[in-house]
Amino acid sequence: MTDLEYRKLLKKFQDQSFSRTSNDDRFKLPEIEIFYEGNTTVIKNFDKISDAVNRDQDHILKILLGGLGTAGEINSGRLTFQGKIPSKSIQDRMKEYIDTFVMCSECNRPDTHLVKQGRTILVRCDACGAFRSVKSRKRKVITQTSEKIKEGSILDLAITDIGRKGDGVAYLDKYTIYIAGAIKGSKVKVKIEKISGSVAFGRILTT
């Protein structure tokens, strides 16, 4: 979309906009009800969350799974993730979703909907008529440096991601290391049990 096309579209939407409303009523997301069931993490009230932000459940699911690096599914109003995901990670990803796909950047209200213009996704505000493009967020991969590892190595690792099966993931030079039971954001002492190419599998050592 060229700058001229953007300005014309902006003027068109502003001409059709609703009267600006008061921002006294702050948006409050319902508390995310999270519990753990075996090796899964469940958002009990996912249907209420999606209703509150007025977004399609499948769209929210897609963005959350990408941000958390795991698999999941929706069933009977509940969202189930594979693996034990820290509640703070879920809350942080949900906040990012709302900031990116829901909140108006002008009046700071959630009364918006998504509009697709060519390849560009826009957030249009029903309250003030403003709109903005959605900017994708690129996740940072934090790589730790060390000498070449081998099976039997004992390492101190920072877990910076979650794999699709719920395992913790650390990055060390060229290696991607999967550690069962590790929590994203934690630092653990790990024994490397298997290496296959640039992928390694480790076990947390208890102290």
N, C-alpha and C. Protein backbone atom coordinates (compact mmCIF):
# COMPACT_ATOMS: atom_id res chain seq x y z
N MET A 1 0.85 -1.20 0.00
CA MET A 1 0.00 0.00 0.00
C MET A 1 0.88 1.24 0.00
N THR A 2 0.68 2.16 -0.96
CA THR A 2 1.47 3.38 -1.03
C THR A 2 0.99 4.37 0.01
N ASP A 3 1.82 5.39 0.27
CA ASP A 3 1.46 6.42 1.24
C ASP A 3 0.19 7.15 0.82
N LEU A 4 0.06 7.41 -0.50
CA LEU A 4 -1.13 8.11 -1.00
C LEU A 4 -2.38 7.27 -0.78
N GLU A 5 -2.29 5.96 -1.09
CA GLU A 5 -3.44 5.07 -0.89
C GLU A 5 -3.81 5.01 0.58
N TYR A 6 -2.78 4.97 1.44
CA TYR A 6 -3.02 4.93 2.89
C TYR A 6 -3.78 6.17 3.34
N ARG A 7 -3.36 7.34 2.87
CA ARG A 7 -4.00 8.59 3.27
C ARG A 7 -5.44 8.67 2.77
N LYS A 8 -5.68 8.18 1.54
CA LYS A 8 -7.05 8.18 1.01
C LYS A 8 -7.95 7.26 1.83
N LEU A 9 -7.40 6.10 2.20
CA LEU A 9 -8.18 5.15 2.99
C LEU A 9 -8.45 5.72 4.38
N LEU A 10 -7.46 6.39 4.95
CA LEU A 10 -7.64 7.03 6.26
C LEU A 10 -8.75 8.06 6.21
N LYS A 11 -8.75 8.91 5.17
CA LYS A 11 -9.78 9.94 5.04
C LYS A 11 -11.16 9.30 4.87
N LYS A 12 -11.22 8.22 4.11
CA LYS A 12 -12.50 7.55 3.89
C LYS A 12 -13.07 7.03 5.19
N PHE A 13 -12.23 6.38 5.99
CA PHE A 13 -12.70 5.84 7.26
C PHE A 13 -13.06 6.94 8.24
N GLN A 14 -12.27 8.02 8.26
CA GLN A 14 -12.55 9.12 9.18
C GLN A 14 -13.86 9.82 8.82
N ASP A 15 -14.16 9.92 7.53
CA ASP A 15 -15.42 10.54 7.10
C ASP A 15 -16.62 9.72 7.54
N GLN A 16 -16.42 8.39 7.69
CA GLN A 16 -17.51 7.51 8.08
C GLN A 16 -17.49 7.20 9.57
N SER A 17 -16.61 7.84 10.31
CA SER A 17 -16.38 7.46 11.71
C SER A 17 -17.54 7.84 12.62
N PHE A 18 -17.59 7.13 13.72
CA PHE A 18 -18.53 7.46 14.77
C PHE A 18 -17.99 8.65 15.56
N SER A 19 -18.86 9.28 16.36
CA SER A 19 -18.42 10.36 17.22
C SER A 19 -17.45 9.81 18.25
N ARG A 20 -16.45 10.59 18.58
CA ARG A 20 -15.46 10.14 19.57
C ARG A 20 -16.13 9.97 20.92
N THR A 21 -15.85 8.84 21.54
CA THR A 21 -16.46 8.57 22.84
C THR A 21 -15.46 8.77 23.95
N SER A 22 -15.98 8.83 25.16
CA SER A 22 -15.14 9.07 26.33
C SER A 22 -14.25 7.88 26.60
N ASN A 23 -13.06 8.13 27.13
CA ASN A 23 -12.13 7.06 27.47
C ASN A 23 -12.12 6.80 28.97
N ASP A 24 -13.17 7.22 29.65
CA ASP A 24 -13.22 7.04 31.09
C ASP A 24 -13.33 5.57 31.46
N ASP A 25 -14.02 4.78 30.63
CA ASP A 25 -14.21 3.37 30.92
C ASP A 25 -12.99 2.60 30.42
N ARG A 26 -12.15 2.20 31.35
CA ARG A 26 -10.95 1.46 30.99
C ARG A 26 -11.30 0.02 30.64
N PHE A 27 -10.61 -0.52 29.64
CA PHE A 27 -10.85 -1.90 29.24
C PHE A 27 -10.27 -2.85 30.28
N LYS A 28 -11.07 -3.78 30.72
CA LYS A 28 -10.61 -4.76 31.69
C LYS A 28 -10.86 -6.16 31.13
N LEU A 29 -9.77 -6.89 30.91
CA LEU A 29 -9.89 -8.25 30.43
C LEU A 29 -10.28 -9.15 31.60
N PRO A 30 -11.24 -10.06 31.39
CA PRO A 30 -11.57 -11.00 32.47
C PRO A 30 -10.32 -11.74 32.91
N GLU A 31 -10.23 -12.06 34.18
CA GLU A 31 -9.07 -12.79 34.69
C GLU A 31 -8.94 -14.12 33.95
N ILE A 32 -7.75 -14.41 33.47
CA ILE A 32 -7.53 -15.66 32.74
C ILE A 32 -7.45 -16.81 33.74
N GLU A 33 -8.39 -17.73 33.65
CA GLU A 33 -8.46 -18.86 34.58
C GLU A 33 -7.65 -20.02 34.02
N ILE A 34 -6.48 -20.25 34.63
CA ILE A 34 -5.54 -21.26 34.14
C ILE A 34 -5.40 -22.38 35.15
N PHE A 35 -5.42 -23.61 34.67
CA PHE A 35 -5.11 -24.74 35.54
C PHE A 35 -4.38 -25.80 34.72
N TYR A 36 -3.75 -26.74 35.44
CA TYR A 36 -2.93 -27.77 34.79
C TYR A 36 -3.59 -29.13 34.94
N GLU A 37 -3.59 -29.87 33.84
CA GLU A 37 -4.23 -31.17 33.79
C GLU A 37 -3.25 -32.14 33.15
N GLY A 38 -2.60 -32.98 33.98
CA GLY A 38 -1.54 -33.85 33.45
C GLY A 38 -0.40 -33.01 32.91
N ASN A 39 -0.03 -33.26 31.65
CA ASN A 39 1.03 -32.48 31.02
C ASN A 39 0.46 -31.44 30.06
N THR A 40 -0.71 -30.91 30.40
CA THR A 40 -1.33 -29.87 29.58
C THR A 40 -1.68 -28.66 30.44
N THR A 41 -1.85 -27.53 29.77
CA THR A 41 -2.24 -26.29 30.42
C THR A 41 -3.57 -25.85 29.82
N VAL A 42 -4.53 -25.50 30.67
CA VAL A 42 -5.88 -25.20 30.20
C VAL A 42 -6.30 -23.79 30.60
N ILE A 43 -6.81 -23.02 29.62
CA ILE A 43 -7.50 -21.76 29.92
C ILE A 43 -8.98 -22.09 29.98
N LYS A 44 -9.52 -22.10 31.19
CA LYS A 44 -10.89 -22.55 31.41
C LYS A 44 -11.92 -21.64 30.76
N ASN A 45 -11.68 -20.34 30.82
CA ASN A 45 -12.67 -19.36 30.34
C ASN A 45 -12.25 -18.70 29.03
N PHE A 46 -11.67 -19.49 28.12
CA PHE A 46 -11.20 -18.93 26.85
C PHE A 46 -12.34 -18.31 26.06
N ASP A 47 -13.54 -18.90 26.13
CA ASP A 47 -14.68 -18.34 25.40
C ASP A 47 -15.02 -16.93 25.88
N LYS A 48 -14.91 -16.70 27.19
CA LYS A 48 -15.18 -15.36 27.74
C LYS A 48 -14.10 -14.37 27.33
N ILE A 49 -12.86 -14.86 27.27
CA ILE A 49 -11.74 -14.00 26.85
C ILE A 49 -11.96 -13.55 25.40
N SER A 50 -12.29 -14.48 24.52
CA SER A 50 -12.48 -14.13 23.11
C SER A 50 -13.68 -13.20 22.93
N ASP A 51 -14.74 -13.41 23.72
CA ASP A 51 -15.90 -12.51 23.65
C ASP A 51 -15.52 -11.10 24.10
N ALA A 52 -14.68 -11.01 25.14
CA ALA A 52 -14.30 -9.71 25.69
C ALA A 52 -13.50 -8.88 24.69
N VAL A 53 -12.64 -9.54 23.92
CA VAL A 53 -11.81 -8.81 22.95
C VAL A 53 -12.45 -8.78 21.56
N ASN A 54 -13.59 -9.48 21.42
CA ASN A 54 -14.35 -9.50 20.17
C ASN A 54 -13.49 -9.96 18.99
N ARG A 55 -12.80 -11.07 19.19
CA ARG A 55 -11.97 -11.63 18.13
C ARG A 55 -12.28 -13.12 17.96
N ASP A 56 -12.06 -13.60 16.74
CA ASP A 56 -12.30 -15.01 16.44
C ASP A 56 -11.37 -15.89 17.27
N GLN A 57 -11.93 -16.95 17.85
CA GLN A 57 -11.14 -17.82 18.72
C GLN A 57 -9.97 -18.46 17.98
N ASP A 58 -10.18 -18.86 16.74
CA ASP A 58 -9.11 -19.49 15.97
C ASP A 58 -7.95 -18.52 15.71
N HIS A 59 -8.28 -17.24 15.54
CA HIS A 59 -7.22 -16.24 15.32
C HIS A 59 -6.39 -16.06 16.58
N ILE A 60 -7.07 -15.96 17.73
CA ILE A 60 -6.34 -15.83 19.00
C ILE A 60 -5.47 -17.06 19.22
N LEU A 61 -6.04 -18.24 18.96
CA LEU A 61 -5.29 -19.49 19.14
C LEU A 61 -4.02 -19.49 18.30
N LYS A 62 -4.14 -19.12 17.03
CA LYS A 62 -2.99 -19.13 16.13
C LYS A 62 -1.87 -18.23 16.64
N ILE A 63 -2.22 -17.03 17.09
CA ILE A 63 -1.21 -16.09 17.57
C ILE A 63 -0.59 -16.56 18.87
N LEU A 64 -1.40 -17.09 19.80
CA LEU A 64 -0.88 -17.56 21.07
C LEU A 64 0.06 -18.75 20.88
N LEU A 65 -0.32 -19.68 20.02
CA LEU A 65 0.53 -20.85 19.79
C LEU A 65 1.87 -20.45 19.19
N GLY A 66 1.84 -19.48 18.28
CA GLY A 66 3.09 -18.99 17.70
C GLY A 66 3.98 -18.33 18.74
N GLY A 67 3.35 -17.55 19.64
CA GLY A 67 4.12 -16.85 20.66
C GLY A 67 4.66 -17.76 21.75
N LEU A 68 3.92 -18.83 22.05
CA LEU A 68 4.32 -19.74 23.12
C LEU A 68 5.14 -20.92 22.61
N GLY A 69 5.14 -21.13 21.29
CA GLY A 69 5.91 -22.22 20.71
C GLY A 69 5.41 -23.59 21.11
N THR A 70 4.11 -23.79 21.12
CA THR A 70 3.55 -25.08 21.50
C THR A 70 2.35 -25.39 20.62
N ALA A 71 1.70 -26.52 20.87
CA ALA A 71 0.49 -26.90 20.15
C ALA A 71 -0.70 -26.77 21.09
N GLY A 72 -1.90 -26.72 20.51
CA GLY A 72 -3.08 -26.60 21.36
C GLY A 72 -4.35 -26.71 20.56
N GLU A 73 -5.48 -26.77 21.27
CA GLU A 73 -6.77 -26.88 20.61
C GLU A 73 -7.86 -26.28 21.48
N ILE A 74 -8.98 -25.92 20.83
CA ILE A 74 -10.14 -25.36 21.53
C ILE A 74 -11.22 -26.43 21.59
N ASN A 75 -11.81 -26.58 22.77
CA ASN A 75 -12.87 -27.56 22.94
C ASN A 75 -13.81 -27.11 24.05
N SER A 76 -15.09 -26.94 23.70
CA SER A 76 -16.13 -26.57 24.67
C SER A 76 -15.78 -25.29 25.43
N GLY A 77 -15.26 -24.31 24.71
CA GLY A 77 -14.97 -23.02 25.34
C GLY A 77 -13.66 -22.96 26.10
N ARG A 78 -12.93 -24.09 26.13
CA ARG A 78 -11.64 -24.12 26.82
C ARG A 78 -10.51 -24.22 25.79
N LEU A 79 -9.37 -23.64 26.14
CA LEU A 79 -8.19 -23.74 25.29
C LEU A 79 -7.15 -24.59 26.02
N THR A 80 -6.70 -25.65 25.37
CA THR A 80 -5.74 -26.56 25.99
C THR A 80 -4.41 -26.50 25.24
N PHE A 81 -3.32 -26.22 25.97
CA PHE A 81 -1.97 -26.20 25.41
C PHE A 81 -1.27 -27.51 25.76
N GLN A 82 -0.41 -27.97 24.86
CA GLN A 82 0.46 -29.10 25.18
C GLN A 82 1.60 -28.60 26.06
N GLY A 83 1.87 -29.30 27.15
CA GLY A 83 2.94 -28.90 28.05
C GLY A 83 2.46 -27.99 29.15
N LYS A 84 3.28 -27.85 30.16
CA LYS A 84 2.95 -26.97 31.29
C LYS A 84 3.54 -25.59 31.02
N ILE A 85 2.68 -24.66 30.66
CA ILE A 85 3.10 -23.30 30.30
C ILE A 85 2.93 -22.39 31.51
N PRO A 86 3.96 -21.65 31.92
CA PRO A 86 3.81 -20.73 33.05
C PRO A 86 2.69 -19.73 32.79
N SER A 87 1.89 -19.46 33.81
CA SER A 87 0.75 -18.55 33.65
C SER A 87 1.20 -17.16 33.20
N LYS A 88 2.37 -16.72 33.68
CA LYS A 88 2.86 -15.38 33.29
C LYS A 88 3.14 -15.33 31.79
N SER A 89 3.66 -16.42 31.23
CA SER A 89 3.92 -16.45 29.78
C SER A 89 2.63 -16.30 29.00
N ILE A 90 1.57 -16.98 29.46
CA ILE A 90 0.27 -16.88 28.79
C ILE A 90 -0.28 -15.47 28.90
N GLN A 91 -0.20 -14.90 30.10
CA GLN A 91 -0.70 -13.54 30.31
C GLN A 91 0.06 -12.52 29.47
N ASP A 92 1.38 -12.70 29.38
CA ASP A 92 2.20 -11.77 28.58
C ASP A 92 1.84 -11.87 27.09
N ARG A 93 1.65 -13.09 26.59
CA ARG A 93 1.29 -13.26 25.18
C ARG A 93 -0.11 -12.72 24.91
N MET A 94 -1.02 -12.86 25.88
CA MET A 94 -2.37 -12.33 25.69
C MET A 94 -2.35 -10.81 25.66
N LYS A 95 -1.51 -10.22 26.51
CA LYS A 95 -1.38 -8.75 26.51
C LYS A 95 -0.82 -8.27 25.17
N GLU A 96 0.16 -8.99 24.64
CA GLU A 96 0.72 -8.64 23.33
C GLU A 96 -0.35 -8.72 22.25
N TYR A 97 -1.20 -9.76 22.34
CA TYR A 97 -2.27 -9.91 21.35
C TYR A 97 -3.21 -8.72 21.39
N ILE A 98 -3.61 -8.33 22.60
CA ILE A 98 -4.54 -7.21 22.75
C ILE A 98 -3.91 -5.91 22.25
N ASP A 99 -2.65 -5.67 22.62
CA ASP A 99 -1.96 -4.46 22.17
C ASP A 99 -1.83 -4.42 20.65
N THR A 100 -1.61 -5.58 20.03
CA THR A 100 -1.36 -5.65 18.59
C THR A 100 -2.64 -5.68 17.77
N PHE A 101 -3.62 -6.47 18.20
CA PHE A 101 -4.79 -6.74 17.36
C PHE A 101 -6.10 -6.14 17.86
N VAL A 102 -6.10 -5.51 19.03
CA VAL A 102 -7.38 -5.06 19.59
C VAL A 102 -7.43 -3.56 19.90
N MET A 103 -6.50 -3.07 20.70
CA MET A 103 -6.61 -1.71 21.22
C MET A 103 -6.40 -0.64 20.14
N CYS A 104 -7.23 0.41 20.20
CA CYS A 104 -7.07 1.56 19.31
C CYS A 104 -5.89 2.39 19.79
N SER A 105 -5.03 2.77 18.88
CA SER A 105 -3.84 3.55 19.24
C SER A 105 -4.17 5.02 19.48
N GLU A 106 -5.37 5.46 19.08
CA GLU A 106 -5.75 6.86 19.25
C GLU A 106 -6.54 7.10 20.53
N CYS A 107 -7.65 6.37 20.71
CA CYS A 107 -8.50 6.60 21.89
C CYS A 107 -8.32 5.53 22.96
N ASN A 108 -7.48 4.55 22.68
CA ASN A 108 -7.15 3.50 23.64
C ASN A 108 -8.36 2.69 24.09
N ARG A 109 -9.31 2.49 23.18
CA ARG A 109 -10.48 1.68 23.48
C ARG A 109 -10.40 0.36 22.71
N PRO A 110 -11.11 -0.67 23.19
CA PRO A 110 -11.07 -1.98 22.54
C PRO A 110 -12.17 -2.17 21.50
N ASP A 111 -12.96 -1.13 21.25
CA ASP A 111 -14.10 -1.25 20.32
C ASP A 111 -13.62 -1.19 18.88
N THR A 112 -12.96 -2.26 18.46
CA THR A 112 -12.34 -2.29 17.14
C THR A 112 -12.68 -3.58 16.41
N HIS A 113 -12.39 -3.60 15.12
CA HIS A 113 -12.46 -4.85 14.37
C HIS A 113 -11.36 -4.84 13.32
N LEU A 114 -11.03 -6.03 12.82
CA LEU A 114 -9.95 -6.17 11.85
C LEU A 114 -10.48 -6.03 10.43
N VAL A 115 -9.73 -5.30 9.61
CA VAL A 115 -10.07 -5.09 8.20
C VAL A 115 -8.86 -5.50 7.36
N LYS A 116 -9.09 -6.30 6.32
CA LYS A 116 -7.99 -6.69 5.45
C LYS A 116 -8.00 -5.84 4.20
N GLN A 117 -6.90 -5.15 3.94
CA GLN A 117 -6.76 -4.29 2.76
C GLN A 117 -5.59 -4.81 1.95
N GLY A 118 -5.89 -5.63 0.93
CA GLY A 118 -4.80 -6.27 0.20
C GLY A 118 -4.11 -7.26 1.11
N ARG A 119 -2.80 -7.08 1.29
CA ARG A 119 -2.05 -7.95 2.19
C ARG A 119 -1.88 -7.33 3.57
N THR A 120 -2.46 -6.16 3.75
CA THR A 120 -2.32 -5.45 5.01
C THR A 120 -3.54 -5.66 5.90
N ILE A 121 -3.30 -5.99 7.17
CA ILE A 121 -4.39 -6.11 8.14
C ILE A 121 -4.45 -4.81 8.94
N LEU A 122 -5.63 -4.21 9.00
CA LEU A 122 -5.83 -2.96 9.72
C LEU A 122 -6.72 -3.18 10.92
N VAL A 123 -6.45 -2.44 11.99
CA VAL A 123 -7.33 -2.39 13.15
C VAL A 123 -8.13 -1.11 13.05
N ARG A 124 -9.44 -1.23 12.83
CA ARG A 124 -10.29 -0.05 12.72
C ARG A 124 -11.10 0.13 13.99
N CYS A 125 -11.11 1.36 14.52
CA CYS A 125 -11.82 1.67 15.75
C CYS A 125 -13.25 2.08 15.45
N ASP A 126 -14.22 1.40 16.07
CA ASP A 126 -15.62 1.74 15.90
C ASP A 126 -16.02 2.94 16.75
N ALA A 127 -15.16 3.30 17.71
CA ALA A 127 -15.47 4.41 18.61
C ALA A 127 -15.07 5.76 18.03
N CYS A 128 -13.83 5.84 17.50
CA CYS A 128 -13.35 7.14 17.01
C CYS A 128 -13.07 7.16 15.52
N GLY A 129 -13.09 6.00 14.86
CA GLY A 129 -12.90 5.96 13.42
C GLY A 129 -11.46 5.84 12.97
N ALA A 130 -10.52 5.90 13.90
CA ALA A 130 -9.11 5.78 13.52
C ALA A 130 -8.79 4.35 13.11
N PHE A 131 -7.71 4.18 12.37
CA PHE A 131 -7.27 2.83 12.05
C PHE A 131 -5.76 2.82 11.91
N ARG A 132 -5.19 1.65 12.10
CA ARG A 132 -3.74 1.48 12.00
C ARG A 132 -3.46 0.10 11.44
N SER A 133 -2.27 -0.06 10.89
CA SER A 133 -1.87 -1.37 10.38
C SER A 133 -1.33 -2.22 11.53
N VAL A 134 -1.50 -3.52 11.39
CA VAL A 134 -0.97 -4.46 12.38
C VAL A 134 0.47 -4.75 12.04
N LYS A 135 1.34 -4.54 12.99
CA LYS A 135 2.76 -4.81 12.79
C LYS A 135 3.09 -6.10 13.51
N SER A 136 3.66 -7.05 12.76
CA SER A 136 4.01 -8.33 13.36
C SER A 136 5.19 -8.16 14.30
N ARG A 137 5.20 -8.98 15.35
CA ARG A 137 6.29 -8.93 16.32
C ARG A 137 7.21 -10.11 16.09
N LYS A 138 8.48 -9.83 15.98
CA LYS A 138 9.44 -10.91 15.78
C LYS A 138 10.01 -11.32 17.14
N ARG A 139 9.93 -12.63 17.39
CA ARG A 139 10.45 -13.14 18.65
C ARG A 139 11.97 -13.19 18.61
N LYS A 140 12.60 -12.87 19.73
CA LYS A 140 14.04 -12.92 19.83
C LYS A 140 14.48 -14.31 20.27
N VAL A 141 15.50 -14.82 19.62
CA VAL A 141 16.09 -16.08 20.04
C VAL A 141 17.41 -15.76 20.71
N ILE A 142 17.53 -16.08 21.99
CA ILE A 142 18.74 -15.78 22.75
C ILE A 142 19.66 -16.99 22.66
N THR A 143 20.81 -16.80 22.08
CA THR A 143 21.75 -17.90 21.89
C THR A 143 22.89 -17.79 22.89
N GLN A 144 23.17 -18.89 23.60
CA GLN A 144 24.28 -18.93 24.53
C GLN A 144 25.49 -19.50 23.81
N THR A 145 26.68 -19.08 24.20
CA THR A 145 27.88 -19.54 23.52
C THR A 145 28.69 -20.44 24.45
N SER A 146 29.30 -21.45 23.89
CA SER A 146 30.09 -22.39 24.67
C SER A 146 30.91 -23.25 23.72
N GLU A 147 31.81 -24.07 24.29
CA GLU A 147 32.54 -25.02 23.46
C GLU A 147 31.60 -26.14 23.02
N LYS A 148 32.03 -26.93 22.03
CA LYS A 148 31.18 -27.99 21.49
C LYS A 148 30.76 -28.94 22.60
N ILE A 149 29.46 -29.26 22.63
CA ILE A 149 28.96 -30.14 23.68
C ILE A 149 29.04 -31.59 23.22
N LYS A 150 28.92 -32.50 24.16
CA LYS A 150 28.92 -33.93 23.86
C LYS A 150 27.99 -34.64 24.83
N GLU A 151 27.62 -35.86 24.50
CA GLU A 151 26.75 -36.62 25.38
C GLU A 151 27.44 -36.83 26.72
N GLY A 152 26.70 -36.55 27.79
CA GLY A 152 27.27 -36.63 29.13
C GLY A 152 27.69 -35.29 29.69
N SER A 153 27.75 -34.25 28.83
CA SER A 153 28.11 -32.90 29.30
C SER A 153 27.08 -32.40 30.30
N ILE A 154 27.55 -31.69 31.31
CA ILE A 154 26.65 -31.07 32.29
C ILE A 154 26.75 -29.56 32.10
N LEU A 155 25.60 -28.92 31.84
CA LEU A 155 25.58 -27.51 31.47
C LEU A 155 24.57 -26.74 32.30
N ASP A 156 24.86 -25.47 32.51
CA ASP A 156 23.89 -24.54 33.09
C ASP A 156 23.24 -23.79 31.94
N LEU A 157 21.94 -23.96 31.77
CA LEU A 157 21.24 -23.39 30.61
C LEU A 157 20.07 -22.51 31.02
N ALA A 158 19.82 -21.49 30.20
CA ALA A 158 18.64 -20.64 30.37
C ALA A 158 17.58 -21.11 29.38
N ILE A 159 16.39 -21.41 29.88
CA ILE A 159 15.30 -21.89 29.03
C ILE A 159 14.60 -20.67 28.44
N THR A 160 14.70 -20.50 27.13
CA THR A 160 14.16 -19.30 26.48
C THR A 160 12.96 -19.57 25.59
N ASP A 161 12.56 -20.84 25.47
CA ASP A 161 11.43 -21.15 24.58
C ASP A 161 10.76 -22.43 25.05
N ILE A 162 9.61 -22.73 24.44
CA ILE A 162 8.87 -23.96 24.72
C ILE A 162 8.64 -24.69 23.40
N GLY A 163 8.98 -25.97 23.35
CA GLY A 163 8.78 -26.76 22.15
C GLY A 163 7.33 -27.17 21.97
N ARG A 164 7.03 -27.74 20.82
CA ARG A 164 5.65 -28.12 20.51
C ARG A 164 5.11 -29.20 21.44
N LYS A 165 5.99 -30.01 22.01
CA LYS A 165 5.54 -31.06 22.93
C LYS A 165 5.58 -30.59 24.38
N GLY A 166 5.88 -29.31 24.58
CA GLY A 166 5.88 -28.77 25.93
C GLY A 166 7.23 -28.81 26.63
N ASP A 167 8.27 -29.32 25.94
CA ASP A 167 9.60 -29.35 26.54
C ASP A 167 10.21 -27.95 26.54
N GLY A 168 11.05 -27.68 27.54
CA GLY A 168 11.78 -26.43 27.55
C GLY A 168 12.85 -26.46 26.47
N VAL A 169 13.19 -25.29 25.92
CA VAL A 169 14.17 -25.22 24.84
C VAL A 169 15.25 -24.20 25.20
N ALA A 170 16.50 -24.60 25.01
CA ALA A 170 17.64 -23.69 25.18
C ALA A 170 18.47 -23.74 23.89
N TYR A 171 19.17 -22.64 23.61
CA TYR A 171 20.00 -22.57 22.40
C TYR A 171 21.46 -22.39 22.82
N LEU A 172 22.34 -23.25 22.31
CA LEU A 172 23.75 -23.22 22.66
C LEU A 172 24.58 -23.38 21.40
N ASP A 173 25.22 -22.27 20.96
CA ASP A 173 25.92 -22.27 19.67
C ASP A 173 24.97 -22.76 18.58
N LYS A 174 25.34 -23.82 17.86
CA LYS A 174 24.49 -24.32 16.78
C LYS A 174 23.40 -25.27 17.27
N TYR A 175 23.41 -25.58 18.57
CA TYR A 175 22.51 -26.61 19.09
C TYR A 175 21.19 -26.05 19.61
N THR A 176 20.13 -26.80 19.33
CA THR A 176 18.83 -26.58 19.96
C THR A 176 18.65 -27.72 20.95
N ILE A 177 18.51 -27.38 22.23
CA ILE A 177 18.48 -28.40 23.28
C ILE A 177 17.09 -28.47 23.90
N TYR A 178 16.50 -29.66 23.90
CA TYR A 178 15.18 -29.87 24.48
C TYR A 178 15.33 -30.51 25.86
N ILE A 179 14.66 -29.93 26.86
CA ILE A 179 14.76 -30.43 28.22
C ILE A 179 13.36 -30.65 28.77
N ALA A 180 12.99 -31.91 28.98
CA ALA A 180 11.65 -32.24 29.48
C ALA A 180 11.45 -31.66 30.88
N GLY A 181 10.29 -31.03 31.09
CA GLY A 181 9.93 -30.50 32.40
C GLY A 181 10.50 -29.13 32.72
N ALA A 182 11.31 -28.57 31.82
CA ALA A 182 11.89 -27.25 32.07
C ALA A 182 10.87 -26.16 31.75
N ILE A 183 10.89 -25.09 32.52
CA ILE A 183 9.94 -24.00 32.37
C ILE A 183 10.62 -22.80 31.71
N LYS A 184 9.92 -22.20 30.75
CA LYS A 184 10.46 -21.03 30.06
C LYS A 184 10.78 -19.92 31.06
N GLY A 185 11.97 -19.34 30.94
CA GLY A 185 12.39 -18.27 31.84
C GLY A 185 13.24 -18.76 32.99
N SER A 186 13.34 -20.08 33.16
CA SER A 186 14.12 -20.63 34.27
C SER A 186 15.55 -20.92 33.85
N LYS A 187 16.43 -21.11 34.84
CA LYS A 187 17.81 -21.52 34.60
C LYS A 187 18.01 -22.86 35.29
N VAL A 188 18.50 -23.84 34.54
CA VAL A 188 18.60 -25.20 35.07
C VAL A 188 19.96 -25.82 34.76
N LYS A 189 20.32 -26.80 35.60
CA LYS A 189 21.54 -27.59 35.35
C LYS A 189 21.09 -28.85 34.62
N VAL A 190 21.70 -29.10 33.47
CA VAL A 190 21.21 -30.15 32.57
C VAL A 190 22.34 -31.10 32.19
N LYS A 191 22.00 -32.39 32.12
CA LYS A 191 22.94 -33.39 31.58
C LYS A 191 22.49 -33.75 30.17
N ILE A 192 23.39 -33.63 29.21
CA ILE A 192 23.06 -33.95 27.82
C ILE A 192 23.07 -35.47 27.65
N GLU A 193 21.93 -36.02 27.23
CA GLU A 193 21.81 -37.47 27.11
C GLU A 193 21.89 -37.97 25.68
N LYS A 194 21.51 -37.12 24.71
CA LYS A 194 21.53 -37.56 23.32
C LYS A 194 21.75 -36.36 22.41
N ILE A 195 22.54 -36.56 21.36
CA ILE A 195 22.78 -35.51 20.37
C ILE A 195 22.54 -36.11 18.98
N SER A 196 21.77 -35.39 18.17
CA SER A 196 21.52 -35.81 16.79
C SER A 196 21.67 -34.60 15.89
N GLY A 197 22.83 -34.49 15.24
CA GLY A 197 23.10 -33.31 14.42
C GLY A 197 23.20 -32.07 15.29
N SER A 198 22.33 -31.10 15.02
CA SER A 198 22.34 -29.86 15.80
C SER A 198 21.24 -29.85 16.87
N VAL A 199 20.63 -31.01 17.10
CA VAL A 199 19.57 -31.13 18.11
C VAL A 199 20.07 -32.01 19.25
N ALA A 200 19.85 -31.55 20.48
CA ALA A 200 20.27 -32.31 21.65
C ALA A 200 19.11 -32.44 22.63
N PHE A 201 19.19 -33.48 23.45
CA PHE A 201 18.16 -33.72 24.46
C PHE A 201 18.84 -33.85 25.82
N GLY A 202 18.30 -33.14 26.79
CA GLY A 202 18.91 -33.15 28.11
C GLY A 202 17.93 -33.49 29.21
N ARG A 203 18.50 -33.77 30.39
CA ARG A 203 17.70 -34.09 31.57
C ARG A 203 18.11 -33.15 32.70
N ILE A 204 17.10 -32.62 33.39
CA ILE A 204 17.38 -31.72 34.51
C ILE A 204 18.01 -32.52 35.65
N LEU A 205 19.10 -32.00 36.20
CA LEU A 205 19.74 -32.63 37.35
C LEU A 205 19.16 -32.02 38.62
N THR A 206 18.69 -32.86 39.49
CA THR A 206 18.14 -32.37 40.77
C THR A 206 19.29 -32.11 41.72
N THR A 207 19.09 -31.06 42.54
CA THR A 207 20.16 -30.70 43.48
C THR A 207 19.83 -31.19 44.87
